[in-house]
Amino acid sequence: MKCPGQDSRFWKADAIFEVKCPHCGTTIEFFKDDTRRRCPECGEQVPNPEMDFGCAAYCPYAEHCLGSLPEGVAGDSMLKVLKGKMFKEIKQKLSDSKKVALSVRFLELCEEIGKKEGTKLGPILLSGFILSILDLLSEESYPEFLEKSLIEKTFSDVGAEKEAIKDAFDILRLIESKEETERNEVKVIQDAKKIATLEAASRLGEDVINELLTDSGRQIVKTKIFG
């Protein structure tokens, strides 16, 4: 049986909508089940800011829609739904469609670079998820947020494992302290953030390559620029 959410026979009038490309401002038509569309003007892949994965929290067939995340993100029963829960939380907390698209792209790059660098993806994705939320806060609020139990509750809400939570906290502390570190997870997140931000501003160029901290990040940029 086809998922009703994916079956166009059950769709309503709002199943097709338009979104401004965050890169060039061109209008892009989305169907509600599109995860992303290519902008007809600038050619950039734009994530669907209205994508709602709430059904993944209970649907036994969620893996067919979302795929699975690598081990270490959460228990087996949560592997298929964690990413969907993160995206849902981001959508609820970020009303700006451009910020939603940027956050989704940032998490995608965290996963892509982290996988190529051979790091644990669970803590990296959880850290990236929190950093997307922190973008809403002033810099002065970072330490207060990190010291309280808000992050732990946020992690628990999306079903993260205790070990992944512990590692994510360590990564966030290092990022918040702004100290130099050789920890590769931090470098992965910093590269993902830089690439996503510059992509959104259409300022990704050769000069960025030498600023990146990981070989995988540099390769992604080279591929994007030179093909």
C-alpha atoms as a PDB file:
ATOM      1  CA  MET A   1       0.000   0.000   0.000  1.00  0.00           C
ATOM      2  CA  LYS A   2       1.272   3.457  -0.900  1.00  0.00           C
ATOM      3  CA  CYS A   3       1.719   5.945   1.938  1.00  0.00           C
ATOM      4  CA  PRO A   4      -1.300   8.335   1.894  1.00  0.00           C
ATOM      5  CA  GLY A   5       1.062  11.258   2.454  1.00  0.00           C
ATOM      6  CA  GLN A   6       2.874  10.370  -0.767  1.00  0.00           C
ATOM      7  CA  ASP A   7      -0.240   9.438  -2.785  1.00  0.00           C
ATOM      8  CA  SER A   8      -1.405  12.453  -4.830  1.00  0.00           C
ATOM      9  CA  ARG A   9      -5.011  11.192  -4.680  1.00  0.00           C
ATOM     10  CA  PHE A  10      -5.124  12.340  -1.056  1.00  0.00           C
ATOM     11  CA  TRP A  11      -3.468  15.720  -1.640  1.00  0.00           C
ATOM     12  CA  LYS A  12      -5.182  19.045  -1.005  1.00  0.00           C
ATOM     13  CA  ALA A  13      -4.760  22.405  -2.734  1.00  0.00           C
ATOM     14  CA  ASP A  14      -1.714  23.314  -0.635  1.00  0.00           C
ATOM     15  CA  ALA A  15       0.216  20.233  -1.821  1.00  0.00           C
ATOM     16  CA  ILE A  16       1.802  22.395  -4.556  1.00  0.00           C
ATOM     17  CA  PHE A  17       3.395  25.665  -3.511  1.00  0.00           C
ATOM     18  CA  GLU A  18       6.092  28.152  -4.485  1.00  0.00           C
ATOM     19  CA  VAL A  19       9.341  29.013  -2.695  1.00  0.00           C
ATOM     20  CA  LYS A  20      11.914  31.713  -3.417  1.00  0.00           C
ATOM     21  CA  CYS A  21      15.362  30.310  -4.209  1.00  0.00           C
ATOM     22  CA  PRO A  22      17.639  31.338  -1.282  1.00  0.00           C
ATOM     23  CA  HIS A  23      20.524  31.750  -3.757  1.00  0.00           C
ATOM     24  CA  CYS A  24      19.028  33.977  -6.469  1.00  0.00           C
ATOM     25  CA  GLY A  25      15.416  34.722  -5.539  1.00  0.00           C
ATOM     26  CA  THR A  26      13.839  32.861  -8.465  1.00  0.00           C
ATOM     27  CA  THR A  27      10.448  31.264  -7.765  1.00  0.00           C
ATOM     28  CA  ILE A  28      10.578  27.461  -7.579  1.00  0.00           C
ATOM     29  CA  GLU A  29       7.476  25.265  -7.666  1.00  0.00           C
ATOM     30  CA  PHE A  30       7.489  22.433  -5.123  1.00  0.00           C
ATOM     31  CA  PHE A  31       5.270  19.410  -4.701  1.00  0.00           C
ATOM     32  CA  LYS A  32       4.864  18.572  -1.024  1.00  0.00           C
ATOM     33  CA  ASP A  33       6.753  15.269  -1.333  1.00  0.00           C
ATOM     34  CA  ASP A  34       9.783  16.851  -3.061  1.00  0.00           C
ATOM     35  CA  THR A  35      12.803  16.721  -0.750  1.00  0.00           C
ATOM     36  CA  ARG A  36      14.589  19.246  -2.998  1.00  0.00           C
ATOM     37  CA  ARG A  37      14.321  20.916  -6.423  1.00  0.00           C
ATOM     38  CA  ARG A  38      16.894  22.415  -8.756  1.00  0.00           C
ATOM     39  CA  CYS A  39      16.504  26.159  -9.288  1.00  0.00           C
ATOM     40  CA  PRO A  40      15.739  26.771 -13.011  1.00  0.00           C
ATOM     41  CA  GLU A  41      17.742  30.006 -12.914  1.00  0.00           C
ATOM     42  CA  CYS A  42      20.968  29.383 -10.934  1.00  0.00           C
ATOM     43  CA  GLY A  43      20.936  25.566 -10.963  1.00  0.00           C
ATOM     44  CA  GLU A  44      21.348  25.211  -7.187  1.00  0.00           C
ATOM     45  CA  GLN A  45      19.645  22.340  -5.376  1.00  0.00           C
ATOM     46  CA  VAL A  46      17.143  23.870  -2.933  1.00  0.00           C
ATOM     47  CA  PRO A  47      15.750  21.799  -0.005  1.00  0.00           C
ATOM     48  CA  ASN A  48      12.010  21.813   0.514  1.00  0.00           C
ATOM     49  CA  PRO A  49      11.490  24.150   3.524  1.00  0.00           C
ATOM     50  CA  GLU A  50       7.935  22.832   4.015  1.00  0.00           C
ATOM     51  CA  MET A  51       8.923  19.161   4.237  1.00  0.00           C
ATOM     52  CA  ASP A  52       7.250  17.689   7.305  1.00  0.00           C
ATOM     53  CA  PHE A  53       8.554  14.369   8.588  1.00  0.00           C
ATOM     54  CA  GLY A  54       6.284  14.261  11.638  1.00  0.00           C
ATOM     55  CA  CYS A  55       4.751  10.979  10.488  1.00  0.00           C
ATOM     56  CA  ALA A  56       8.198   9.371  10.779  1.00  0.00           C
ATOM     57  CA  ALA A  57       7.843   9.326  14.546  1.00  0.00           C
ATOM     58  CA  TYR A  58       5.223   6.566  14.329  1.00  0.00           C
ATOM     59  CA  CYS A  59       5.142   5.227  10.762  1.00  0.00           C
ATOM     60  CA  PRO A  60       6.652   1.703  10.427  1.00  0.00           C
ATOM     61  CA  TYR A  61       7.538   2.447   6.800  1.00  0.00           C
ATOM     62  CA  ALA A  62       9.491   5.639   7.574  1.00  0.00           C
ATOM     63  CA  GLU A  63      12.706   4.065   6.373  1.00  0.00           C
ATOM     64  CA  HIS A  64      11.383   4.069   2.789  1.00  0.00           C
ATOM     65  CA  CYS A  65      10.921   7.861   2.967  1.00  0.00           C
ATOM     66  CA  LEU A  66      13.878   8.921   5.088  1.00  0.00           C
ATOM     67  CA  GLY A  67      16.404   6.162   4.727  1.00  0.00           C
ATOM     68  CA  SER A  68      18.488   5.230   7.758  1.00  0.00           C
ATOM     69  CA  LEU A  69      21.274   7.016   9.584  1.00  0.00           C
ATOM     70  CA  PRO A  70      24.577   5.392  10.478  1.00  0.00           C
ATOM     71  CA  GLU A  71      24.980   3.444  13.722  1.00  0.00           C
ATOM     72  CA  GLY A  72      25.745   5.496  16.773  1.00  0.00           C
ATOM     73  CA  VAL A  73      23.125   8.158  16.166  1.00  0.00           C
ATOM     74  CA  ALA A  74      20.462   6.391  18.175  1.00  0.00           C
ATOM     75  CA  GLY A  75      19.109   2.936  18.883  1.00  0.00           C
ATOM     76  CA  ASP A  76      18.055   0.815  15.920  1.00  0.00           C
ATOM     77  CA  SER A  77      14.406   1.751  16.384  1.00  0.00           C
ATOM     78  CA  MET A  78      15.287   5.455  16.066  1.00  0.00           C
ATOM     79  CA  LEU A  79      17.753   5.305  13.188  1.00  0.00           C
ATOM     80  CA  LYS A  80      14.985   5.670  10.643  1.00  0.00           C
ATOM     81  CA  VAL A  81      13.312   8.678  12.227  1.00  0.00           C
ATOM     82  CA  LEU A  82      15.983  10.824  13.921  1.00  0.00           C
ATOM     83  CA  LYS A  83      16.807  12.943  10.890  1.00  0.00           C
ATOM     84  CA  GLY A  84      13.120  13.517  10.239  1.00  0.00           C
ATOM     85  CA  LYS A  85      12.575  14.662  13.822  1.00  0.00           C
ATOM     86  CA  MET A  86      15.513  17.067  13.549  1.00  0.00           C
ATOM     87  CA  PHE A  87      14.126  18.616  10.371  1.00  0.00           C
ATOM     88  CA  LYS A  88      10.686  18.903  11.949  1.00  0.00           C
ATOM     89  CA  GLU A  89      12.122  20.687  15.000  1.00  0.00           C
ATOM     90  CA  ILE A  90      14.121  23.059  12.809  1.00  0.00           C
ATOM     91  CA  LYS A  91      11.048  23.871  10.747  1.00  0.00           C
ATOM     92  CA  GLN A  92       9.059  24.628  13.912  1.00  0.00           C
ATOM     93  CA  LYS A  93      11.763  26.833  15.413  1.00  0.00           C
ATOM     94  CA  LEU A  94      12.802  28.650  12.224  1.00  0.00           C
ATOM     95  CA  SER A  95       9.931  30.451  10.514  1.00  0.00           C
ATOM     96  CA  ASP A  96      12.190  31.933   7.824  1.00  0.00           C
ATOM     97  CA  SER A  97      12.278  29.606   4.791  1.00  0.00           C
ATOM     98  CA  LYS A  98      15.803  30.755   3.926  1.00  0.00           C
ATOM     99  CA  LYS A  99      17.038  29.813   7.381  1.00  0.00           C
ATOM    100  CA  VAL A 100      15.300  26.449   7.137  1.00  0.00           C
ATOM    101  CA  ALA A 101      16.978  25.766   3.778  1.00  0.00           C
ATOM    102  CA  LEU A 102      20.357  26.847   5.185  1.00  0.00           C
ATOM    103  CA  SER A 103      19.968  24.614   8.253  1.00  0.00           C
ATOM    104  CA  VAL A 104      18.980  21.607   6.160  1.00  0.00           C
ATOM    105  CA  ARG A 105      21.932  22.155   3.821  1.00  0.00           C
ATOM    106  CA  PHE A 106      24.265  22.564   6.810  1.00  0.00           C
ATOM    107  CA  LEU A 107      23.147  19.207   8.259  1.00  0.00           C
ATOM    108  CA  GLU A 108      23.467  17.550   4.853  1.00  0.00           C
ATOM    109  CA  LEU A 109      27.064  18.780   4.604  1.00  0.00           C
ATOM    110  CA  CYS A 110      27.790  17.667   8.177  1.00  0.00           C
ATOM    111  CA  GLU A 111      26.690  14.186   7.163  1.00  0.00           C
ATOM    112  CA  GLU A 112      28.470  14.188   3.799  1.00  0.00           C
ATOM    113  CA  ILE A 113      31.801  15.530   5.085  1.00  0.00           C
ATOM    114  CA  GLY A 114      31.629  13.476   8.285  1.00  0.00           C
ATOM    115  CA  LYS A 115      31.034  10.283   6.335  1.00  0.00           C
ATOM    116  CA  LYS A 116      33.972  10.952   4.009  1.00  0.00           C
ATOM    117  CA  GLU A 117      36.203  11.824   6.978  1.00  0.00           C
ATOM    118  CA  GLY A 118      35.270   8.570   8.715  1.00  0.00           C
ATOM    119  CA  THR A 119      33.956  10.246  11.875  1.00  0.00           C
ATOM    120  CA  LYS A 120      30.988   9.261  14.032  1.00  0.00           C
ATOM    121  CA  LEU A 121      27.993  10.845  12.378  1.00  0.00           C
ATOM    122  CA  GLY A 122      25.642  10.736  15.362  1.00  0.00           C
ATOM    123  CA  PRO A 123      27.417  13.353  17.507  1.00  0.00           C
ATOM    124  CA  ILE A 124      28.152  15.500  14.449  1.00  0.00           C
ATOM    125  CA  LEU A 125      24.509  15.614  13.335  1.00  0.00           C
ATOM    126  CA  LEU A 126      23.304  16.277  16.872  1.00  0.00           C
ATOM    127  CA  SER A 127      25.833  19.095  17.278  1.00  0.00           C
ATOM    128  CA  GLY A 128      24.828  20.570  13.923  1.00  0.00           C
ATOM    129  CA  PHE A 129      21.178  20.347  14.945  1.00  0.00           C
ATOM    130  CA  ILE A 130      21.836  22.364  18.119  1.00  0.00           C
ATOM    131  CA  LEU A 131      23.975  24.903  16.254  1.00  0.00           C
ATOM    132  CA  SER A 132      21.063  25.484  13.878  1.00  0.00           C
ATOM    133  CA  ILE A 133      18.913  26.340  16.906  1.00  0.00           C
ATOM    134  CA  LEU A 134      21.671  28.503  18.399  1.00  0.00           C
ATOM    135  CA  ASP A 135      21.577  30.631  15.252  1.00  0.00           C
ATOM    136  CA  LEU A 136      18.374  32.083  16.699  1.00  0.00           C
ATOM    137  CA  LEU A 137      20.145  33.241  19.853  1.00  0.00           C
ATOM    138  CA  SER A 138      22.493  36.119  20.484  1.00  0.00           C
ATOM    139  CA  GLU A 139      26.130  35.187  21.018  1.00  0.00           C
ATOM    140  CA  GLU A 140      25.814  36.194  24.689  1.00  0.00           C
ATOM    141  CA  SER A 141      23.128  33.531  25.145  1.00  0.00           C
ATOM    142  CA  TYR A 142      25.334  30.661  23.970  1.00  0.00           C
ATOM    143  CA  PRO A 143      27.043  29.903  27.311  1.00  0.00           C
ATOM    144  CA  GLU A 144      23.754  30.108  29.227  1.00  0.00           C
ATOM    145  CA  PHE A 145      22.069  27.769  26.774  1.00  0.00           C
ATOM    146  CA  LEU A 146      24.964  25.314  26.865  1.00  0.00           C
ATOM    147  CA  GLU A 147      25.102  25.283  30.670  1.00  0.00           C
ATOM    148  CA  LYS A 148      21.431  24.402  31.131  1.00  0.00           C
ATOM    149  CA  SER A 149      19.503  21.213  30.517  1.00  0.00           C
ATOM    150  CA  LEU A 150      17.780  22.631  27.435  1.00  0.00           C
ATOM    151  CA  ILE A 151      20.135  20.895  25.017  1.00  0.00           C
ATOM    152  CA  GLU A 152      19.827  17.571  26.806  1.00  0.00           C
ATOM    153  CA  LYS A 153      16.033  17.840  26.639  1.00  0.00           C
ATOM    154  CA  THR A 154      16.253  18.763  22.940  1.00  0.00           C
ATOM    155  CA  PHE A 155      18.439  15.712  22.305  1.00  0.00           C
ATOM    156  CA  SER A 156      16.068  13.500  24.263  1.00  0.00           C
ATOM    157  CA  ASP A 157      13.098  14.836  22.319  1.00  0.00           C
ATOM    158  CA  VAL A 158      14.587  13.517  19.073  1.00  0.00           C
ATOM    159  CA  GLY A 159      15.546  10.180  20.638  1.00  0.00           C
ATOM    160  CA  ALA A 160      19.344  10.460  20.782  1.00  0.00           C
ATOM    161  CA  GLU A 161      21.438   7.914  22.693  1.00  0.00           C
ATOM    162  CA  LYS A 162      23.267   8.896  25.880  1.00  0.00           C
ATOM    163  CA  GLU A 163      26.716   8.210  24.394  1.00  0.00           C
ATOM    164  CA  ALA A 164      25.976  10.308  21.305  1.00  0.00           C
ATOM    165  CA  ILE A 165      24.645  13.086  23.552  1.00  0.00           C
ATOM    166  CA  LYS A 166      27.850  13.042  25.626  1.00  0.00           C
ATOM    167  CA  ASP A 167      30.032  13.275  22.504  1.00  0.00           C
ATOM    168  CA  ALA A 168      27.858  16.053  21.074  1.00  0.00           C
ATOM    169  CA  PHE A 169      28.203  18.053  24.289  1.00  0.00           C
ATOM    170  CA  ASP A 170      31.999  17.739  24.082  1.00  0.00           C
ATOM    171  CA  ILE A 171      31.963  18.967  20.488  1.00  0.00           C
ATOM    172  CA  LEU A 172      29.691  21.911  21.328  1.00  0.00           C
ATOM    173  CA  ARG A 173      31.919  22.918  24.240  1.00  0.00           C
ATOM    174  CA  LEU A 174      34.965  22.978  21.959  1.00  0.00           C
ATOM    175  CA  ILE A 175      33.127  25.062  19.371  1.00  0.00           C
ATOM    176  CA  GLU A 176      31.784  27.454  21.995  1.00  0.00           C
ATOM    177  CA  SER A 177      35.241  27.927  23.554  1.00  0.00           C
ATOM    178  CA  LYS A 178      36.692  28.832  20.116  1.00  0.00           C
ATOM    179  CA  GLU A 179      39.926  27.094  21.106  1.00  0.00           C
ATOM    180  CA  GLU A 180      42.073  25.456  18.445  1.00  0.00           C
ATOM    181  CA  THR A 181      41.520  21.729  18.383  1.00  0.00           C
ATOM    182  CA  GLU A 182      42.564  18.741  16.319  1.00  0.00           C
ATOM    183  CA  ARG A 183      39.295  16.971  16.921  1.00  0.00           C
ATOM    184  CA  ASN A 184      38.047  16.090  13.468  1.00  0.00           C
ATOM    185  CA  GLU A 185      34.349  16.323  14.330  1.00  0.00           C
ATOM    186  CA  VAL A 186      34.795  20.031  15.076  1.00  0.00           C
ATOM    187  CA  LYS A 187      36.586  20.573  11.762  1.00  0.00           C
ATOM    188  CA  VAL A 188      33.802  18.751   9.913  1.00  0.00           C
ATOM    189  CA  ILE A 189      31.133  20.981  11.457  1.00  0.00           C
ATOM    190  CA  GLN A 190      33.105  24.177  10.862  1.00  0.00           C
ATOM    191  CA  ASP A 191      33.676  23.286   7.205  1.00  0.00           C
ATOM    192  CA  ALA A 192      30.011  22.347   6.742  1.00  0.00           C
ATOM    193  CA  LYS A 193      28.911  25.653   8.240  1.00  0.00           C
ATOM    194  CA  LYS A 194      31.290  27.702   6.081  1.00  0.00           C
ATOM    195  CA  ILE A 195      30.322  25.933   2.853  1.00  0.00           C
ATOM    196  CA  ALA A 196      26.570  26.104   3.533  1.00  0.00           C
ATOM    197  CA  THR A 197      26.725  29.790   4.471  1.00  0.00           C
ATOM    198  CA  LEU A 198      28.803  30.781   1.433  1.00  0.00           C
ATOM    199  CA  GLU A 199      26.621  28.697  -0.900  1.00  0.00           C
ATOM    200  CA  ALA A 200      23.521  30.496   0.357  1.00  0.00           C
ATOM    201  CA  ALA A 201      25.202  33.852  -0.240  1.00  0.00           C
ATOM    202  CA  SER A 202      26.465  32.765  -3.694  1.00  0.00           C
ATOM    203  CA  ARG A 203      30.023  33.514  -2.558  1.00  0.00           C
ATOM    204  CA  LEU A 204      31.564  30.058  -2.845  1.00  0.00           C
ATOM    205  CA  GLY A 205      34.827  30.401  -4.788  1.00  0.00           C
ATOM    206  CA  GLU A 206      38.375  29.102  -5.122  1.00  0.00           C
ATOM    207  CA  ASP A 207      39.568  31.382  -2.321  1.00  0.00           C
ATOM    208  CA  VAL A 208      37.525  29.319   0.164  1.00  0.00           C
ATOM    209  CA  ILE A 209      39.356  26.067  -0.536  1.00  0.00           C
ATOM    210  CA  ASN A 210      42.465  26.980   1.445  1.00  0.00           C
ATOM    211  CA  GLU A 211      40.343  28.155   4.388  1.00  0.00           C
ATOM    212  CA  LEU A 212      38.717  24.762   4.909  1.00  0.00           C
ATOM    213  CA  LEU A 213      39.984  22.330   7.531  1.00  0.00           C
ATOM    214  CA  THR A 214      39.166  18.939   5.989  1.00  0.00           C
ATOM    215  CA  ASP A 215      40.237  17.285   2.741  1.00  0.00           C
ATOM    216  CA  SER A 216      36.636  16.230   2.169  1.00  0.00           C
ATOM    217  CA  GLY A 217      35.357  19.786   2.519  1.00  0.00           C
ATOM    218  CA  ARG A 218      37.944  21.032   0.049  1.00  0.00           C
ATOM    219  CA  GLN A 219      37.009  18.278  -2.403  1.00  0.00           C
ATOM    220  CA  ILE A 220      33.312  19.141  -2.190  1.00  0.00           C
ATOM    221  CA  VAL A 221      34.041  22.772  -3.021  1.00  0.00           C
ATOM    222  CA  LYS A 222      36.404  21.841  -5.862  1.00  0.00           C
ATOM    223  CA  THR A 223      33.772  19.540  -7.355  1.00  0.00           C
ATOM    224  CA  LYS A 224      31.109  22.226  -7.056  1.00  0.00           C
ATOM    225  CA  ILE A 225      33.295  24.874  -8.703  1.00  0.00           C
ATOM    226  CA  PHE A 226      35.149  22.844 -11.325  1.00  0.00           C
ATOM    227  CA  GLY A 227      32.727  19.969 -11.855  1.00  0.00           C
END
